[in-house]
Amino acid sequence: MKYCRHSALAMLLISATAVGQQLRVQVEQLDADRYELTLFAGAPMTEPAAQGLLWPSASRLCNGNEPNFGKYRFESVVPLAGGDTTQDLKSSFKFVQEISCGGATSPRTSHGEPALPPTDLLTT
């Protein structure tokens, strides 16, 4: 992938607190209108919840254009109960989401939140 190194947004860090946990969002610009947002959280969450937390950052980055969520990946760590080492381990969650600005509008849920992109459609 080609990364834009000349943008002030390339490594923008945003801190926020939601639902009693410390959240951090890292933004990396991939192209003129493409970004990769990484959400770091202290507890696992669903993909729609993570995307909902990223939506305000995506909207700001797109500056009036509709953000479109693309590919995503995540890592979740939850310590198992009962072991002596569990007190040393902490839960963590990392969610990486690609977004593009403008173009086709992203589907929305009935609550107005962005919907997950369809993953069962293959193009040839």
C-alpha atoms as a PDB file:
ATOM      1  CA  MET A   1       0.000   0.000   0.000  1.00  0.00           C
ATOM      2  CA  LYS A   2       1.085   3.502  -0.706  1.00  0.00           C
ATOM      3  CA  TYR A   3       0.974   5.799   2.307  1.00  0.00           C
ATOM      4  CA  CYS A   4       0.718   9.564   2.110  1.00  0.00           C
ATOM      5  CA  ARG A   5       3.514  10.907   4.305  1.00  0.00           C
ATOM      6  CA  HIS A   6       2.858  14.582   3.692  1.00  0.00           C
ATOM      7  CA  SER A   7      -0.428  14.904   5.483  1.00  0.00           C
ATOM      8  CA  ALA A   8      -0.799  16.253   8.994  1.00  0.00           C
ATOM      9  CA  LEU A   9      -3.484  13.604   9.482  1.00  0.00           C
ATOM     10  CA  ALA A  10      -1.114  10.711   8.816  1.00  0.00           C
ATOM     11  CA  MET A  11      -0.614   9.891  12.492  1.00  0.00           C
ATOM     12  CA  LEU A  12      -3.359  11.886  14.230  1.00  0.00           C
ATOM     13  CA  LEU A  13      -4.123  10.539  17.697  1.00  0.00           C
ATOM     14  CA  ILE A  14      -7.474  11.182  19.301  1.00  0.00           C
ATOM     15  CA  SER A  15      -8.337  10.203  22.858  1.00  0.00           C
ATOM     16  CA  ALA A  16     -11.884   9.778  24.101  1.00  0.00           C
ATOM     17  CA  THR A  17     -13.708   8.212  27.004  1.00  0.00           C
ATOM     18  CA  ALA A  18     -16.876   6.210  26.363  1.00  0.00           C
ATOM     19  CA  VAL A  19     -18.744   3.674  28.434  1.00  0.00           C
ATOM     20  CA  GLY A  20     -16.233   4.018  31.273  1.00  0.00           C
ATOM     21  CA  GLN A  21     -13.198   2.940  29.268  1.00  0.00           C
ATOM     22  CA  GLN A  22     -10.287   4.780  27.731  1.00  0.00           C
ATOM     23  CA  LEU A  23     -10.425   4.742  23.941  1.00  0.00           C
ATOM     24  CA  ARG A  24      -7.803   5.866  21.466  1.00  0.00           C
ATOM     25  CA  VAL A  25      -8.184   6.314  17.717  1.00  0.00           C
ATOM     26  CA  GLN A  26      -5.191   6.426  15.397  1.00  0.00           C
ATOM     27  CA  VAL A  27      -5.648   7.740  11.852  1.00  0.00           C
ATOM     28  CA  GLU A  28      -3.401   7.010   8.904  1.00  0.00           C
ATOM     29  CA  GLN A  29      -4.025   8.529   5.483  1.00  0.00           C
ATOM     30  CA  LEU A  30      -3.654   5.968   2.681  1.00  0.00           C
ATOM     31  CA  ASP A  31      -4.579   8.145  -0.335  1.00  0.00           C
ATOM     32  CA  ALA A  32      -6.242  11.498  -0.972  1.00  0.00           C
ATOM     33  CA  ASP A  33      -9.659  10.284   0.210  1.00  0.00           C
ATOM     34  CA  ARG A  34      -8.796   6.980   1.907  1.00  0.00           C
ATOM     35  CA  TYR A  35      -7.886   6.434   5.543  1.00  0.00           C
ATOM     36  CA  GLU A  36      -7.220   3.623   7.976  1.00  0.00           C
ATOM     37  CA  LEU A  37      -8.643   4.197  11.451  1.00  0.00           C
ATOM     38  CA  THR A  38      -7.443   2.063  14.355  1.00  0.00           C
ATOM     39  CA  LEU A  39      -9.506   1.927  17.538  1.00  0.00           C
ATOM     40  CA  PHE A  40      -7.765   0.789  20.737  1.00  0.00           C
ATOM     41  CA  ALA A  41     -10.010  -0.109  23.684  1.00  0.00           C
ATOM     42  CA  GLY A  42      -9.672  -1.855  27.015  1.00  0.00           C
ATOM     43  CA  ALA A  43     -12.531  -4.287  26.402  1.00  0.00           C
ATOM     44  CA  PRO A  44     -13.854  -6.298  23.452  1.00  0.00           C
ATOM     45  CA  MET A  45     -16.902  -5.038  21.545  1.00  0.00           C
ATOM     46  CA  THR A  46     -18.916  -5.944  18.473  1.00  0.00           C
ATOM     47  CA  GLU A  47     -17.975  -4.739  15.005  1.00  0.00           C
ATOM     48  CA  PRO A  48     -21.029  -2.415  14.781  1.00  0.00           C
ATOM     49  CA  ALA A  49     -20.147  -0.885  18.176  1.00  0.00           C
ATOM     50  CA  ALA A  50     -16.545  -0.264  17.096  1.00  0.00           C
ATOM     51  CA  GLN A  51     -17.680   1.230  13.791  1.00  0.00           C
ATOM     52  CA  GLY A  52     -20.138   3.439  15.667  1.00  0.00           C
ATOM     53  CA  LEU A  53     -17.288   4.790  17.798  1.00  0.00           C
ATOM     54  CA  LEU A  54     -15.220   5.444  14.656  1.00  0.00           C
ATOM     55  CA  TRP A  55     -18.063   7.201  12.815  1.00  0.00           C
ATOM     56  CA  PRO A  56     -17.446  10.713  14.293  1.00  0.00           C
ATOM     57  CA  SER A  57     -13.737  10.559  13.371  1.00  0.00           C
ATOM     58  CA  ALA A  58     -14.579   9.283   9.877  1.00  0.00           C
ATOM     59  CA  SER A  59     -17.113  12.097   9.393  1.00  0.00           C
ATOM     60  CA  ARG A  60     -14.586  14.739  10.446  1.00  0.00           C
ATOM     61  CA  LEU A  61     -11.920  13.313   8.126  1.00  0.00           C
ATOM     62  CA  CYS A  62     -14.300  13.295   5.157  1.00  0.00           C
ATOM     63  CA  ASN A  63     -15.178  16.953   5.786  1.00  0.00           C
ATOM     64  CA  GLY A  64     -18.747  16.969   4.470  1.00  0.00           C
ATOM     65  CA  ASN A  65     -18.455  13.921   2.185  1.00  0.00           C
ATOM     66  CA  GLU A  66     -20.085  10.644   3.170  1.00  0.00           C
ATOM     67  CA  PRO A  67     -17.606   8.217   4.822  1.00  0.00           C
ATOM     68  CA  ASN A  68     -17.796   4.686   3.400  1.00  0.00           C
ATOM     69  CA  PHE A  69     -16.588   1.828   5.579  1.00  0.00           C
ATOM     70  CA  GLY A  70     -14.526  -0.786   3.746  1.00  0.00           C
ATOM     71  CA  LYS A  71     -12.428  -3.694   4.961  1.00  0.00           C
ATOM     72  CA  TYR A  72     -11.845  -4.174   8.672  1.00  0.00           C
ATOM     73  CA  ARG A  73      -9.947  -6.502  10.981  1.00  0.00           C
ATOM     74  CA  PHE A  74      -9.697  -6.819  14.744  1.00  0.00           C
ATOM     75  CA  GLU A  75      -7.785  -8.417  17.590  1.00  0.00           C
ATOM     76  CA  SER A  76      -9.366  -9.158  20.945  1.00  0.00           C
ATOM     77  CA  VAL A  77      -7.643 -10.396  24.105  1.00  0.00           C
ATOM     78  CA  VAL A  78      -9.630 -11.582  27.121  1.00  0.00           C
ATOM     79  CA  PRO A  79      -7.828 -13.310  30.027  1.00  0.00           C
ATOM     80  CA  LEU A  80      -9.195 -16.661  31.129  1.00  0.00           C
ATOM     81  CA  ALA A  81     -10.438 -16.898  34.696  1.00  0.00           C
ATOM     82  CA  GLY A  82      -8.899 -19.223  37.248  1.00  0.00           C
ATOM     83  CA  GLY A  83      -5.199 -18.961  36.489  1.00  0.00           C
ATOM     84  CA  ASP A  84      -2.509 -17.285  38.589  1.00  0.00           C
ATOM     85  CA  THR A  85      -1.438 -15.154  35.635  1.00  0.00           C
ATOM     86  CA  THR A  86      -4.881 -13.608  35.038  1.00  0.00           C
ATOM     87  CA  GLN A  87      -4.108 -10.754  37.408  1.00  0.00           C
ATOM     88  CA  ASP A  88      -1.212  -9.765  35.137  1.00  0.00           C
ATOM     89  CA  LEU A  89      -3.270  -9.869  31.929  1.00  0.00           C
ATOM     90  CA  LYS A  90      -5.716  -7.195  30.851  1.00  0.00           C
ATOM     91  CA  SER A  91      -8.450  -7.234  28.244  1.00  0.00           C
ATOM     92  CA  SER A  92      -7.658  -5.357  25.055  1.00  0.00           C
ATOM     93  CA  PHE A  93      -9.309  -4.688  21.726  1.00  0.00           C
ATOM     94  CA  LYS A  94      -7.844  -3.360  18.482  1.00  0.00           C
ATOM     95  CA  PHE A  95     -10.123  -2.648  15.513  1.00  0.00           C
ATOM     96  CA  VAL A  96      -8.693  -1.482  12.161  1.00  0.00           C
ATOM     97  CA  GLN A  97     -11.175   0.005   9.664  1.00  0.00           C
ATOM     98  CA  GLU A  98     -10.555   1.348   6.157  1.00  0.00           C
ATOM     99  CA  ILE A  99     -12.719   4.282   5.075  1.00  0.00           C
ATOM    100  CA  SER A 100     -13.085   6.226   1.843  1.00  0.00           C
ATOM    101  CA  CYS A 101     -14.725   9.620   1.466  1.00  0.00           C
ATOM    102  CA  GLY A 102     -17.476  10.394  -1.045  1.00  0.00           C
ATOM    103  CA  GLY A 103     -18.758   8.165  -3.812  1.00  0.00           C
ATOM    104  CA  ALA A 104     -21.478   5.652  -3.070  1.00  0.00           C
ATOM    105  CA  THR A 105     -23.255   6.152   0.212  1.00  0.00           C
ATOM    106  CA  SER A 106     -22.786   3.560   2.906  1.00  0.00           C
ATOM    107  CA  PRO A 107     -25.843   1.577   4.011  1.00  0.00           C
ATOM    108  CA  ARG A 108     -27.406   2.602   7.323  1.00  0.00           C
ATOM    109  CA  THR A 109     -29.257   0.703  10.020  1.00  0.00           C
ATOM    110  CA  SER A 110     -32.745   1.697  11.143  1.00  0.00           C
ATOM    111  CA  HIS A 111     -31.091   3.697  13.966  1.00  0.00           C
ATOM    112  CA  GLY A 112     -29.098   5.843  11.510  1.00  0.00           C
ATOM    113  CA  GLU A 113     -25.791   4.135  12.265  1.00  0.00           C
ATOM    114  CA  PRO A 114     -23.553   2.815   9.488  1.00  0.00           C
ATOM    115  CA  ALA A 115     -24.272  -0.803   8.610  1.00  0.00           C
ATOM    116  CA  LEU A 116     -21.607  -3.431   8.107  1.00  0.00           C
ATOM    117  CA  PRO A 117     -20.612  -3.869   4.472  1.00  0.00           C
ATOM    118  CA  PRO A 118     -21.904  -7.083   2.872  1.00  0.00           C
ATOM    119  CA  THR A 119     -19.283  -9.816   3.071  1.00  0.00           C
ATOM    120  CA  ASP A 120     -21.123 -12.632   1.351  1.00  0.00           C
ATOM    121  CA  LEU A 121     -21.047 -11.085  -2.147  1.00  0.00           C
ATOM    122  CA  LEU A 122     -18.184 -12.084  -4.396  1.00  0.00           C
ATOM    123  CA  THR A 123     -17.378 -10.356  -7.663  1.00  0.00           C
ATOM    124  CA  THR A 124     -15.522 -11.999 -10.505  1.00  0.00           C
END
